[in-house]
Amino acid sequence: MAVIFIHTNTDSTNMQAMPPAALTITQRYNDRDSFTQLLTRVGVPVPAIEKLREDDFVSMQSLVTNYATDVDSFISYLKGINKTYAGNARTRNTRFSPIVIKRLSAILFHFSQSVGCIHCIPNIENIDAGAFPDLCGR
């Protein structure tokens, strides 16, 4: 069982303000801003976040719905984006670094296992880059 540490991110470079505390865990799971903040906290560059949005991955639920049973396909999808933008200096920040790919695949695996096996939605706000020493596996 993976333990996820709660880490408060005080970095002022977040793309958006924190969502209202009134949102439930289920609402955050479906919320675009909560997903964007998660991606920002784990080090995904802004152009890469915009690429995910263009491909209709606007919430954690949309990601889990599409790739819950095949995390390796998600990894291939991210690597495919890297190949598409490899030769273009203007879109260099659209690329996903190997570290970010590992982080995103670990998050996807964690959520898909939690939702699919345990029938529990993790709190998306409790995950940031500091949580990864304890997210083992993928």
N, C-alpha and C. Protein backbone atom coordinates (compact mmCIF):
# COMPACT_ATOMS: atom_id res chain seq x y z
N MET A 1 0.84 -1.17 0.00
CA MET A 1 0.00 0.00 0.00
C MET A 1 0.89 1.24 0.00
N ALA A 2 0.66 2.15 -0.92
CA ALA A 2 1.45 3.36 -1.03
C ALA A 2 0.95 4.40 -0.05
N VAL A 3 1.88 5.08 0.59
CA VAL A 3 1.54 6.16 1.50
C VAL A 3 1.86 7.46 0.79
N ILE A 4 0.93 8.37 0.80
CA ILE A 4 1.14 9.66 0.15
C ILE A 4 1.19 10.73 1.21
N PHE A 5 2.31 11.45 1.24
CA PHE A 5 2.47 12.52 2.21
C PHE A 5 1.77 13.77 1.71
N ILE A 6 1.17 14.49 2.62
CA ILE A 6 0.56 15.77 2.29
C ILE A 6 1.66 16.81 2.35
N HIS A 7 1.81 17.55 1.27
CA HIS A 7 2.84 18.57 1.18
C HIS A 7 2.19 19.85 0.70
N THR A 8 2.34 20.92 1.44
CA THR A 8 1.74 22.18 1.06
C THR A 8 2.66 22.88 0.08
N ASN A 9 2.14 23.21 -1.07
CA ASN A 9 2.91 23.89 -2.09
C ASN A 9 2.66 25.38 -1.96
N THR A 10 3.72 26.12 -1.63
CA THR A 10 3.59 27.56 -1.48
C THR A 10 4.19 28.29 -2.67
N ASP A 11 4.52 27.56 -3.71
CA ASP A 11 5.11 28.14 -4.90
C ASP A 11 4.10 29.07 -5.58
N SER A 12 4.52 30.27 -5.89
CA SER A 12 3.61 31.25 -6.49
C SER A 12 3.48 31.08 -7.99
N THR A 13 4.12 30.05 -8.57
CA THR A 13 4.04 29.86 -10.01
C THR A 13 2.85 29.01 -10.42
N ASN A 14 2.00 28.62 -9.48
CA ASN A 14 0.81 27.84 -9.85
C ASN A 14 -0.01 28.60 -10.87
N MET A 15 -0.59 27.87 -11.81
CA MET A 15 -1.34 28.51 -12.89
C MET A 15 -2.63 29.14 -12.39
N GLN A 16 -3.24 28.57 -11.37
CA GLN A 16 -4.53 29.05 -10.91
C GLN A 16 -4.57 29.00 -9.39
N ALA A 17 -5.50 29.75 -8.83
CA ALA A 17 -5.68 29.72 -7.39
C ALA A 17 -6.26 28.37 -6.98
N MET A 18 -6.08 28.02 -5.74
CA MET A 18 -6.62 26.76 -5.24
C MET A 18 -8.14 26.78 -5.35
N PRO A 19 -8.75 25.65 -5.67
CA PRO A 19 -10.20 25.62 -5.76
C PRO A 19 -10.82 25.85 -4.39
N PRO A 20 -12.05 26.28 -4.37
CA PRO A 20 -12.70 26.53 -3.08
C PRO A 20 -12.69 25.28 -2.20
N ALA A 21 -12.51 25.48 -0.93
CA ALA A 21 -12.47 24.36 0.01
C ALA A 21 -13.81 23.64 0.05
N ALA A 22 -14.84 24.27 -0.49
CA ALA A 22 -16.16 23.66 -0.46
C ALA A 22 -16.28 22.47 -1.42
N LEU A 23 -15.31 22.31 -2.34
CA LEU A 23 -15.38 21.18 -3.26
C LEU A 23 -15.11 19.88 -2.52
N THR A 24 -15.91 18.89 -2.83
CA THR A 24 -15.69 17.57 -2.24
C THR A 24 -14.58 16.85 -3.01
N ILE A 25 -14.13 15.74 -2.47
CA ILE A 25 -13.09 14.95 -3.16
C ILE A 25 -13.60 14.49 -4.52
N THR A 26 -14.85 14.10 -4.60
CA THR A 26 -15.43 13.67 -5.88
C THR A 26 -15.49 14.82 -6.87
N GLN A 27 -15.83 16.00 -6.40
CA GLN A 27 -15.88 17.16 -7.29
C GLN A 27 -14.47 17.52 -7.78
N ARG A 28 -13.48 17.42 -6.91
CA ARG A 28 -12.10 17.69 -7.32
C ARG A 28 -11.63 16.68 -8.35
N TYR A 29 -12.05 15.44 -8.22
CA TYR A 29 -11.72 14.37 -9.17
C TYR A 29 -12.24 14.70 -10.57
N ASN A 30 -13.34 15.43 -10.64
CA ASN A 30 -13.94 15.82 -11.92
C ASN A 30 -13.63 17.26 -12.33
N ASP A 31 -12.88 17.99 -11.52
CA ASP A 31 -12.69 19.42 -11.71
C ASP A 31 -11.46 19.73 -12.57
N ARG A 32 -11.65 20.60 -13.54
CA ARG A 32 -10.57 21.01 -14.44
C ARG A 32 -9.46 21.75 -13.70
N ASP A 33 -9.83 22.69 -12.83
CA ASP A 33 -8.81 23.46 -12.12
C ASP A 33 -8.01 22.60 -11.16
N SER A 34 -8.65 21.67 -10.48
CA SER A 34 -7.93 20.78 -9.58
C SER A 34 -6.94 19.91 -10.35
N PHE A 35 -7.33 19.44 -11.54
CA PHE A 35 -6.44 18.64 -12.38
C PHE A 35 -5.26 19.48 -12.86
N THR A 36 -5.53 20.72 -13.28
CA THR A 36 -4.47 21.62 -13.73
C THR A 36 -3.48 21.88 -12.60
N GLN A 37 -3.97 22.08 -11.40
CA GLN A 37 -3.09 22.32 -10.26
C GLN A 37 -2.26 21.09 -9.94
N LEU A 38 -2.84 19.91 -10.06
CA LEU A 38 -2.09 18.68 -9.85
C LEU A 38 -0.95 18.59 -10.85
N LEU A 39 -1.25 18.83 -12.12
CA LEU A 39 -0.22 18.77 -13.15
C LEU A 39 0.88 19.78 -12.89
N THR A 40 0.52 20.96 -12.46
CA THR A 40 1.50 22.00 -12.14
C THR A 40 2.37 21.59 -10.97
N ARG A 41 1.76 21.02 -9.93
CA ARG A 41 2.52 20.61 -8.74
C ARG A 41 3.54 19.51 -9.04
N VAL A 42 3.24 18.65 -10.01
CA VAL A 42 4.17 17.55 -10.30
C VAL A 42 5.16 17.90 -11.41
N GLY A 43 5.13 19.14 -11.89
CA GLY A 43 6.17 19.61 -12.80
C GLY A 43 5.85 19.54 -14.28
N VAL A 44 4.59 19.42 -14.66
CA VAL A 44 4.24 19.41 -16.08
C VAL A 44 4.27 20.85 -16.58
N PRO A 45 5.02 21.12 -17.67
CA PRO A 45 5.07 22.49 -18.19
C PRO A 45 3.72 22.94 -18.74
N VAL A 46 3.48 24.24 -18.73
CA VAL A 46 2.20 24.80 -19.16
C VAL A 46 1.83 24.37 -20.59
N PRO A 47 2.75 24.41 -21.57
CA PRO A 47 2.35 23.97 -22.91
C PRO A 47 1.92 22.50 -22.95
N ALA A 48 2.53 21.66 -22.13
CA ALA A 48 2.14 20.25 -22.07
C ALA A 48 0.76 20.09 -21.44
N ILE A 49 0.45 20.91 -20.44
CA ILE A 49 -0.89 20.89 -19.85
C ILE A 49 -1.92 21.29 -20.90
N GLU A 50 -1.60 22.29 -21.69
CA GLU A 50 -2.52 22.72 -22.74
C GLU A 50 -2.70 21.63 -23.78
N LYS A 51 -1.65 20.87 -24.09
CA LYS A 51 -1.78 19.76 -25.04
C LYS A 51 -2.71 18.68 -24.48
N LEU A 52 -2.59 18.37 -23.20
CA LEU A 52 -3.51 17.41 -22.59
C LEU A 52 -4.95 17.89 -22.68
N ARG A 53 -5.15 19.18 -22.44
CA ARG A 53 -6.51 19.75 -22.55
C ARG A 53 -7.04 19.64 -23.97
N GLU A 54 -6.17 19.93 -24.97
CA GLU A 54 -6.58 19.81 -26.37
C GLU A 54 -7.05 18.40 -26.69
N ASP A 55 -6.44 17.43 -26.05
CA ASP A 55 -6.79 16.02 -26.27
C ASP A 55 -7.90 15.54 -25.33
N ASP A 56 -8.61 16.49 -24.73
CA ASP A 56 -9.78 16.23 -23.88
C ASP A 56 -9.46 15.55 -22.55
N PHE A 57 -8.25 15.69 -22.06
CA PHE A 57 -7.93 15.23 -20.72
C PHE A 57 -7.98 16.45 -19.81
N VAL A 58 -9.18 16.72 -19.30
CA VAL A 58 -9.41 17.95 -18.55
C VAL A 58 -9.64 17.71 -17.07
N SER A 59 -9.69 16.44 -16.67
CA SER A 59 -9.86 16.12 -15.25
C SER A 59 -9.19 14.78 -14.99
N MET A 60 -8.98 14.48 -13.73
CA MET A 60 -8.41 13.18 -13.39
C MET A 60 -9.35 12.07 -13.82
N GLN A 61 -10.64 12.31 -13.72
CA GLN A 61 -11.60 11.31 -14.13
C GLN A 61 -11.47 10.98 -15.61
N SER A 62 -11.27 11.99 -16.45
CA SER A 62 -11.14 11.73 -17.88
C SER A 62 -9.90 10.90 -18.19
N LEU A 63 -8.84 11.14 -17.46
CA LEU A 63 -7.61 10.35 -17.63
C LEU A 63 -7.82 8.91 -17.18
N VAL A 64 -8.43 8.72 -16.02
CA VAL A 64 -8.67 7.38 -15.49
C VAL A 64 -9.66 6.63 -16.39
N THR A 65 -10.68 7.31 -16.87
CA THR A 65 -11.66 6.67 -17.74
C THR A 65 -11.01 6.11 -19.00
N ASN A 66 -10.07 6.84 -19.57
CA ASN A 66 -9.44 6.41 -20.81
C ASN A 66 -8.31 5.41 -20.64
N TYR A 67 -7.58 5.48 -19.52
CA TYR A 67 -6.36 4.67 -19.39
C TYR A 67 -6.28 3.81 -18.14
N ALA A 68 -7.36 3.63 -17.41
CA ALA A 68 -7.32 2.88 -16.16
C ALA A 68 -6.85 1.45 -16.35
N THR A 69 -7.23 0.82 -17.42
CA THR A 69 -6.87 -0.59 -17.62
C THR A 69 -5.56 -0.77 -18.38
N ASP A 70 -4.97 0.32 -18.86
CA ASP A 70 -3.75 0.19 -19.65
C ASP A 70 -2.85 1.42 -19.47
N VAL A 71 -2.14 1.45 -18.37
CA VAL A 71 -1.24 2.57 -18.08
C VAL A 71 -0.13 2.65 -19.12
N ASP A 72 0.29 1.51 -19.65
CA ASP A 72 1.34 1.50 -20.67
C ASP A 72 0.92 2.26 -21.93
N SER A 73 -0.35 2.22 -22.27
CA SER A 73 -0.85 3.00 -23.42
C SER A 73 -0.74 4.49 -23.14
N PHE A 74 -0.97 4.88 -21.89
CA PHE A 74 -0.82 6.29 -21.51
C PHE A 74 0.63 6.72 -21.65
N ILE A 75 1.55 5.87 -21.23
CA ILE A 75 2.97 6.18 -21.37
C ILE A 75 3.32 6.33 -22.86
N SER A 76 2.80 5.43 -23.68
CA SER A 76 3.03 5.51 -25.13
C SER A 76 2.45 6.79 -25.71
N TYR A 77 1.28 7.19 -25.22
CA TYR A 77 0.65 8.44 -25.65
C TYR A 77 1.56 9.64 -25.35
N LEU A 78 2.11 9.69 -24.14
CA LEU A 78 3.00 10.80 -23.77
C LEU A 78 4.27 10.78 -24.59
N LYS A 79 4.84 9.60 -24.80
CA LYS A 79 6.06 9.50 -25.62
C LYS A 79 5.76 9.88 -27.07
N GLY A 80 4.56 9.57 -27.54
CA GLY A 80 4.15 9.98 -28.89
C GLY A 80 4.10 11.49 -29.03
N ILE A 81 3.63 12.17 -27.99
CA ILE A 81 3.64 13.63 -28.01
C ILE A 81 5.08 14.14 -28.10
N ASN A 82 5.98 13.51 -27.34
CA ASN A 82 7.39 13.92 -27.39
C ASN A 82 7.96 13.77 -28.80
N LYS A 83 7.63 12.69 -29.47
CA LYS A 83 8.14 12.47 -30.83
C LYS A 83 7.56 13.48 -31.80
N THR A 84 6.29 13.82 -31.62
CA THR A 84 5.64 14.78 -32.51
C THR A 84 6.30 16.15 -32.44
N TYR A 85 6.68 16.57 -31.25
CA TYR A 85 7.22 17.91 -31.06
C TYR A 85 8.74 17.94 -30.93
N ALA A 86 9.42 16.84 -31.22
CA ALA A 86 10.86 16.73 -30.98
C ALA A 86 11.68 17.73 -31.78
N GLY A 87 11.38 17.94 -33.03
CA GLY A 87 12.22 18.77 -33.87
C GLY A 87 11.85 20.23 -33.90
N ASN A 88 10.83 20.64 -33.19
CA ASN A 88 10.35 22.00 -33.25
C ASN A 88 10.76 22.77 -32.00
N ALA A 89 11.66 23.74 -32.17
CA ALA A 89 12.15 24.52 -31.03
C ALA A 89 11.04 25.34 -30.38
N ARG A 90 10.05 25.77 -31.17
CA ARG A 90 8.96 26.57 -30.61
C ARG A 90 8.11 25.78 -29.62
N THR A 91 7.98 24.48 -29.83
CA THR A 91 7.11 23.67 -28.99
C THR A 91 7.89 22.75 -28.06
N ARG A 92 9.15 23.08 -27.82
CA ARG A 92 10.00 22.23 -26.98
C ARG A 92 9.40 22.02 -25.59
N ASN A 93 8.73 23.00 -25.02
CA ASN A 93 8.16 22.86 -23.69
C ASN A 93 6.90 21.99 -23.66
N THR A 94 6.43 21.58 -24.84
CA THR A 94 5.28 20.69 -24.89
C THR A 94 5.70 19.27 -24.51
N ARG A 95 6.97 19.01 -24.52
CA ARG A 95 7.47 17.66 -24.23
C ARG A 95 7.30 17.30 -22.76
N PHE A 96 7.18 15.99 -22.53
CA PHE A 96 7.09 15.44 -21.18
C PHE A 96 8.43 14.79 -20.87
N SER A 97 9.10 15.26 -19.83
CA SER A 97 10.38 14.68 -19.44
C SER A 97 10.15 13.27 -18.91
N PRO A 98 11.20 12.43 -18.91
CA PRO A 98 11.04 11.08 -18.36
C PRO A 98 10.56 11.08 -16.90
N ILE A 99 11.00 12.05 -16.13
CA ILE A 99 10.57 12.13 -14.73
C ILE A 99 9.07 12.44 -14.65
N VAL A 100 8.61 13.37 -15.47
CA VAL A 100 7.19 13.73 -15.48
C VAL A 100 6.36 12.55 -15.98
N ILE A 101 6.85 11.82 -16.97
CA ILE A 101 6.12 10.64 -17.45
C ILE A 101 5.99 9.62 -16.33
N LYS A 102 7.06 9.39 -15.57
CA LYS A 102 6.99 8.45 -14.44
C LYS A 102 5.99 8.94 -13.39
N ARG A 103 6.03 10.23 -13.09
CA ARG A 103 5.10 10.77 -12.10
C ARG A 103 3.65 10.63 -12.54
N LEU A 104 3.38 11.00 -13.79
CA LEU A 104 2.01 10.92 -14.29
C LEU A 104 1.51 9.48 -14.37
N SER A 105 2.39 8.57 -14.77
CA SER A 105 1.96 7.16 -14.83
C SER A 105 1.74 6.61 -13.43
N ALA A 106 2.54 7.05 -12.45
CA ALA A 106 2.33 6.62 -11.06
C ALA A 106 1.00 7.15 -10.52
N ILE A 107 0.70 8.40 -10.84
CA ILE A 107 -0.57 8.99 -10.40
C ILE A 107 -1.74 8.26 -11.04
N LEU A 108 -1.65 8.01 -12.34
CA LEU A 108 -2.71 7.29 -13.04
C LEU A 108 -2.89 5.90 -12.45
N PHE A 109 -1.80 5.20 -12.21
CA PHE A 109 -1.88 3.86 -11.63
C PHE A 109 -2.53 3.91 -10.24
N HIS A 110 -2.10 4.88 -9.43
CA HIS A 110 -2.66 5.04 -8.08
C HIS A 110 -4.17 5.29 -8.14
N PHE A 111 -4.59 6.22 -8.99
CA PHE A 111 -6.02 6.54 -9.09
C PHE A 111 -6.81 5.37 -9.67
N SER A 112 -6.27 4.73 -10.70
CA SER A 112 -7.02 3.63 -11.32
C SER A 112 -7.18 2.46 -10.35
N GLN A 113 -6.14 2.18 -9.55
CA GLN A 113 -6.25 1.12 -8.56
C GLN A 113 -7.23 1.50 -7.45
N SER A 114 -7.13 2.73 -7.01
CA SER A 114 -8.01 3.19 -5.93
C SER A 114 -9.47 3.18 -6.37
N VAL A 115 -9.74 3.72 -7.54
CA VAL A 115 -11.12 3.81 -8.03
C VAL A 115 -11.63 2.44 -8.46
N GLY A 116 -10.83 1.69 -9.19
CA GLY A 116 -11.28 0.43 -9.75
C GLY A 116 -11.30 -0.73 -8.78
N CYS A 117 -10.33 -0.77 -7.86
CA CYS A 117 -10.23 -1.93 -6.96
C CYS A 117 -10.79 -1.67 -5.57
N ILE A 118 -10.45 -0.51 -5.03
CA ILE A 118 -10.87 -0.21 -3.66
C ILE A 118 -12.17 0.58 -3.64
N HIS A 119 -12.57 1.11 -4.79
CA HIS A 119 -13.78 1.93 -4.91
C HIS A 119 -13.70 3.16 -4.01
N CYS A 120 -12.55 3.80 -4.06
CA CYS A 120 -12.28 4.99 -3.25
C CYS A 120 -11.56 6.01 -4.12
N ILE A 121 -12.00 7.25 -4.09
CA ILE A 121 -11.34 8.30 -4.86
C ILE A 121 -10.35 9.03 -3.95
N PRO A 122 -9.06 8.99 -4.29
CA PRO A 122 -8.08 9.73 -3.48
C PRO A 122 -8.29 11.24 -3.63
N ASN A 123 -7.86 11.98 -2.63
CA ASN A 123 -7.94 13.43 -2.68
C ASN A 123 -6.83 13.95 -3.58
N ILE A 124 -7.21 14.56 -4.70
CA ILE A 124 -6.26 15.02 -5.70
C ILE A 124 -5.33 16.10 -5.14
N GLU A 125 -5.77 16.82 -4.12
CA GLU A 125 -4.95 17.89 -3.55
C GLU A 125 -3.83 17.37 -2.66
N ASN A 126 -3.87 16.09 -2.31
CA ASN A 126 -2.83 15.52 -1.45
C ASN A 126 -1.63 15.01 -2.22
N ILE A 127 -1.64 15.13 -3.53
CA ILE A 127 -0.56 14.60 -4.35
C ILE A 127 0.23 15.75 -4.95
N ASP A 128 1.55 15.69 -4.75
CA ASP A 128 2.45 16.64 -5.39
C ASP A 128 3.79 15.94 -5.60
N ALA A 129 4.77 16.67 -6.06
CA ALA A 129 6.07 16.06 -6.38
C ALA A 129 6.71 15.43 -5.15
N GLY A 130 6.42 15.92 -3.96
CA GLY A 130 6.99 15.35 -2.74
C GLY A 130 6.43 13.99 -2.38
N ALA A 131 5.36 13.57 -3.03
CA ALA A 131 4.73 12.28 -2.72
C ALA A 131 5.41 11.11 -3.43
N PHE A 132 6.26 11.37 -4.37
CA PHE A 132 6.74 10.29 -5.22
C PHE A 132 7.74 9.33 -4.63
N PRO A 133 8.46 9.63 -3.58
CA PRO A 133 9.30 8.58 -3.01
C PRO A 133 8.47 7.39 -2.51
N ASP A 134 7.21 7.61 -2.21
CA ASP A 134 6.37 6.53 -1.68
C ASP A 134 5.42 5.95 -2.70
N LEU A 135 5.37 6.52 -3.91
CA LEU A 135 4.54 5.94 -4.97
C LEU A 135 5.41 4.96 -5.74
N CYS A 136 5.34 3.72 -5.39
CA CYS A 136 6.16 2.69 -6.02
C CYS A 136 5.42 2.11 -7.22
N GLY A 137 6.09 1.31 -7.95
CA GLY A 137 5.45 0.66 -9.10
C GLY A 137 5.84 1.31 -10.38
N ARG A 138 4.89 1.68 -11.16
CA ARG A 138 5.12 2.19 -12.51
C ARG A 138 5.97 3.41 -12.53
